[in-house]
């Protein structure tokens, strides 16, 4: 039986416009790659090498909220994804939603 709610952590990386994330049980890891327009894609680190490369698979998209423009709100935090609704949220340590995720491929969860 699969879980309906997935939780984990995220943090920015030393590469511009890339953040990494992993589930609490550490079985699923990936990357969020975003642009300056406030949108991006979520990738599964399919080969689990910790590097975004051509083998990684797109599993969803993200859109930043207005709160993400406040530079005090970025850097790291938690995320929660609801597999029933195929949606999720990336939160800062204060619980402020910085980005909304739409998941298109749930087969890895």
C-alpha atoms as a PDB file:
ATOM      1  CA  UNK A   1       0.000   0.000   0.000  1.00  0.00           C
ATOM      2  CA  UNK A   2       1.437   3.388  -0.998  1.00  0.00           C
ATOM      3  CA  UNK A   3       1.414   6.477   1.155  1.00  0.00           C
ATOM      4  CA  UNK A   4      -0.929   9.321   0.333  1.00  0.00           C
ATOM      5  CA  UNK A   5       1.300  11.999   1.855  1.00  0.00           C
ATOM      6  CA  UNK A   6       5.030  12.330   1.193  1.00  0.00           C
ATOM      7  CA  UNK A   7       7.191  14.658   3.261  1.00  0.00           C
ATOM      8  CA  UNK A   8      10.819  15.637   3.040  1.00  0.00           C
ATOM      9  CA  UNK A   9      13.384  18.409   3.007  1.00  0.00           C
ATOM     10  CA  UNK A  10      14.773  20.746   0.339  1.00  0.00           C
ATOM     11  CA  UNK A  11      17.716  23.113   0.112  1.00  0.00           C
ATOM     12  CA  UNK A  12      19.395  25.303  -2.459  1.00  0.00           C
ATOM     13  CA  UNK A  13      22.607  24.053  -4.037  1.00  0.00           C
ATOM     14  CA  UNK A  14      25.825  25.803  -4.967  1.00  0.00           C
ATOM     15  CA  UNK A  15      24.646  25.830  -8.599  1.00  0.00           C
ATOM     16  CA  UNK A  16      22.414  28.751  -9.605  1.00  0.00           C
ATOM     17  CA  UNK A  17      18.680  28.061  -9.914  1.00  0.00           C
ATOM     18  CA  UNK A  18      18.867  24.467  -8.646  1.00  0.00           C
ATOM     19  CA  UNK A  19      17.515  23.114  -5.367  1.00  0.00           C
ATOM     20  CA  UNK A  20      17.710  19.521  -4.170  1.00  0.00           C
ATOM     21  CA  UNK A  21      15.059  17.578  -2.264  1.00  0.00           C
ATOM     22  CA  UNK A  22      14.677  14.177  -0.670  1.00  0.00           C
ATOM     23  CA  UNK A  23      11.874  12.300   1.036  1.00  0.00           C
ATOM     24  CA  UNK A  24      12.002  11.631   4.749  1.00  0.00           C
ATOM     25  CA  UNK A  25      12.617   7.935   4.121  1.00  0.00           C
ATOM     26  CA  UNK A  26      15.444   8.919   1.686  1.00  0.00           C
ATOM     27  CA  UNK A  27      14.223   6.562  -1.040  1.00  0.00           C
ATOM     28  CA  UNK A  28      13.379   9.343  -3.491  1.00  0.00           C
ATOM     29  CA  UNK A  29      15.752  12.230  -4.222  1.00  0.00           C
ATOM     30  CA  UNK A  30      15.668  14.870  -6.886  1.00  0.00           C
ATOM     31  CA  UNK A  31      16.219  18.394  -8.075  1.00  0.00           C
ATOM     32  CA  UNK A  32      14.128  21.458  -8.747  1.00  0.00           C
ATOM     33  CA  UNK A  33      15.400  23.581 -11.607  1.00  0.00           C
ATOM     34  CA  UNK A  34      13.790  26.989 -11.884  1.00  0.00           C
ATOM     35  CA  UNK A  35      14.025  30.134 -13.957  1.00  0.00           C
ATOM     36  CA  UNK A  36      13.768  33.819 -13.150  1.00  0.00           C
ATOM     37  CA  UNK A  37      10.123  33.877 -14.278  1.00  0.00           C
ATOM     38  CA  UNK A  38       9.053  31.929 -11.181  1.00  0.00           C
ATOM     39  CA  UNK A  39       8.484  28.514 -12.732  1.00  0.00           C
ATOM     40  CA  UNK A  40      10.489  25.343 -13.034  1.00  0.00           C
ATOM     41  CA  UNK A  41      10.598  21.568 -13.243  1.00  0.00           C
ATOM     42  CA  UNK A  42      11.049  18.801 -10.707  1.00  0.00           C
ATOM     43  CA  UNK A  43      13.432  15.999 -11.626  1.00  0.00           C
ATOM     44  CA  UNK A  44      13.902  12.570 -10.089  1.00  0.00           C
ATOM     45  CA  UNK A  45      17.574  11.712  -9.503  1.00  0.00           C
ATOM     46  CA  UNK A  46      16.996   8.398 -11.273  1.00  0.00           C
ATOM     47  CA  UNK A  47      20.598   7.187 -11.157  1.00  0.00           C
ATOM     48  CA  UNK A  48      21.055   8.522  -7.571  1.00  0.00           C
ATOM     49  CA  UNK A  49      24.383  10.183  -8.315  1.00  0.00           C
ATOM     50  CA  UNK A  50      23.502  13.534  -6.709  1.00  0.00           C
ATOM     51  CA  UNK A  51      24.072  15.403  -9.980  1.00  0.00           C
ATOM     52  CA  UNK A  52      21.418  16.688 -12.378  1.00  0.00           C
ATOM     53  CA  UNK A  53      22.120  14.934 -15.686  1.00  0.00           C
ATOM     54  CA  UNK A  54      20.396  13.569 -18.806  1.00  0.00           C
ATOM     55  CA  UNK A  55      19.347  10.329 -17.061  1.00  0.00           C
ATOM     56  CA  UNK A  56      17.169  12.207 -14.567  1.00  0.00           C
ATOM     57  CA  UNK A  57      13.422  12.193 -15.250  1.00  0.00           C
ATOM     58  CA  UNK A  58      10.966  15.110 -15.158  1.00  0.00           C
ATOM     59  CA  UNK A  59       8.228  14.260 -12.648  1.00  0.00           C
ATOM     60  CA  UNK A  60       6.479  17.606 -12.223  1.00  0.00           C
ATOM     61  CA  UNK A  61       6.526  21.374 -12.334  1.00  0.00           C
ATOM     62  CA  UNK A  62       6.787  24.139  -9.758  1.00  0.00           C
ATOM     63  CA  UNK A  63       5.495  27.675  -9.571  1.00  0.00           C
ATOM     64  CA  UNK A  64       6.760  30.136  -7.000  1.00  0.00           C
ATOM     65  CA  UNK A  65       4.444  32.125  -4.780  1.00  0.00           C
ATOM     66  CA  UNK A  66       4.802  35.839  -4.181  1.00  0.00           C
ATOM     67  CA  UNK A  67       6.444  35.130  -0.803  1.00  0.00           C
ATOM     68  CA  UNK A  68       9.408  33.505  -2.586  1.00  0.00           C
ATOM     69  CA  UNK A  69      10.580  36.912  -3.815  1.00  0.00           C
ATOM     70  CA  UNK A  70      11.472  37.861  -0.229  1.00  0.00           C
ATOM     71  CA  UNK A  71      15.132  36.799  -0.024  1.00  0.00           C
ATOM     72  CA  UNK A  72      14.706  36.046   3.685  1.00  0.00           C
ATOM     73  CA  UNK A  73      12.397  33.151   2.746  1.00  0.00           C
ATOM     74  CA  UNK A  74      14.726  31.067   0.573  1.00  0.00           C
ATOM     75  CA  UNK A  75      17.486  28.570   1.204  1.00  0.00           C
ATOM     76  CA  UNK A  76      16.016  25.457   2.793  1.00  0.00           C
ATOM     77  CA  UNK A  77      12.915  23.990   4.361  1.00  0.00           C
ATOM     78  CA  UNK A  78      10.412  21.172   4.132  1.00  0.00           C
ATOM     79  CA  UNK A  79       8.012  19.935   1.509  1.00  0.00           C
ATOM     80  CA  UNK A  80       4.828  17.952   1.508  1.00  0.00           C
ATOM     81  CA  UNK A  81       3.227  16.242  -1.482  1.00  0.00           C
ATOM     82  CA  UNK A  82      -0.262  14.782  -1.636  1.00  0.00           C
ATOM     83  CA  UNK A  83      -0.276  11.835  -4.025  1.00  0.00           C
ATOM     84  CA  UNK A  84      -4.076  11.832  -4.304  1.00  0.00           C
ATOM     85  CA  UNK A  85      -4.232  15.399  -5.623  1.00  0.00           C
ATOM     86  CA  UNK A  86      -0.807  15.210  -7.351  1.00  0.00           C
ATOM     87  CA  UNK A  87       0.173  18.502  -5.734  1.00  0.00           C
ATOM     88  CA  UNK A  88       2.609  19.709  -3.131  1.00  0.00           C
ATOM     89  CA  UNK A  89       4.127  22.667  -1.337  1.00  0.00           C
ATOM     90  CA  UNK A  90       7.685  23.769  -0.623  1.00  0.00           C
ATOM     91  CA  UNK A  91       7.847  25.619   2.696  1.00  0.00           C
ATOM     92  CA  UNK A  92      10.508  27.683   4.438  1.00  0.00           C
ATOM     93  CA  UNK A  93      11.433  26.923   8.079  1.00  0.00           C
ATOM     94  CA  UNK A  94       8.654  29.271   9.269  1.00  0.00           C
ATOM     95  CA  UNK A  95       6.036  27.309   7.320  1.00  0.00           C
ATOM     96  CA  UNK A  96       5.537  29.941   4.606  1.00  0.00           C
ATOM     97  CA  UNK A  97       4.700  28.396   1.244  1.00  0.00           C
ATOM     98  CA  UNK A  98       7.330  29.397  -1.317  1.00  0.00           C
ATOM     99  CA  UNK A  99       6.372  27.169  -4.242  1.00  0.00           C
ATOM    100  CA  UNK A 100       3.535  24.943  -5.388  1.00  0.00           C
ATOM    101  CA  UNK A 101       4.305  21.661  -7.132  1.00  0.00           C
ATOM    102  CA  UNK A 102       2.200  19.767  -9.678  1.00  0.00           C
ATOM    103  CA  UNK A 103       3.329  16.159  -9.979  1.00  0.00           C
ATOM    104  CA  UNK A 104       2.895  14.347 -13.294  1.00  0.00           C
ATOM    105  CA  UNK A 105       4.676  11.036 -12.566  1.00  0.00           C
ATOM    106  CA  UNK A 106       3.995   9.336  -9.242  1.00  0.00           C
ATOM    107  CA  UNK A 107       5.398   5.925 -10.121  1.00  0.00           C
ATOM    108  CA  UNK A 108       8.581   6.463  -8.097  1.00  0.00           C
ATOM    109  CA  UNK A 109       6.785   7.216  -4.841  1.00  0.00           C
END
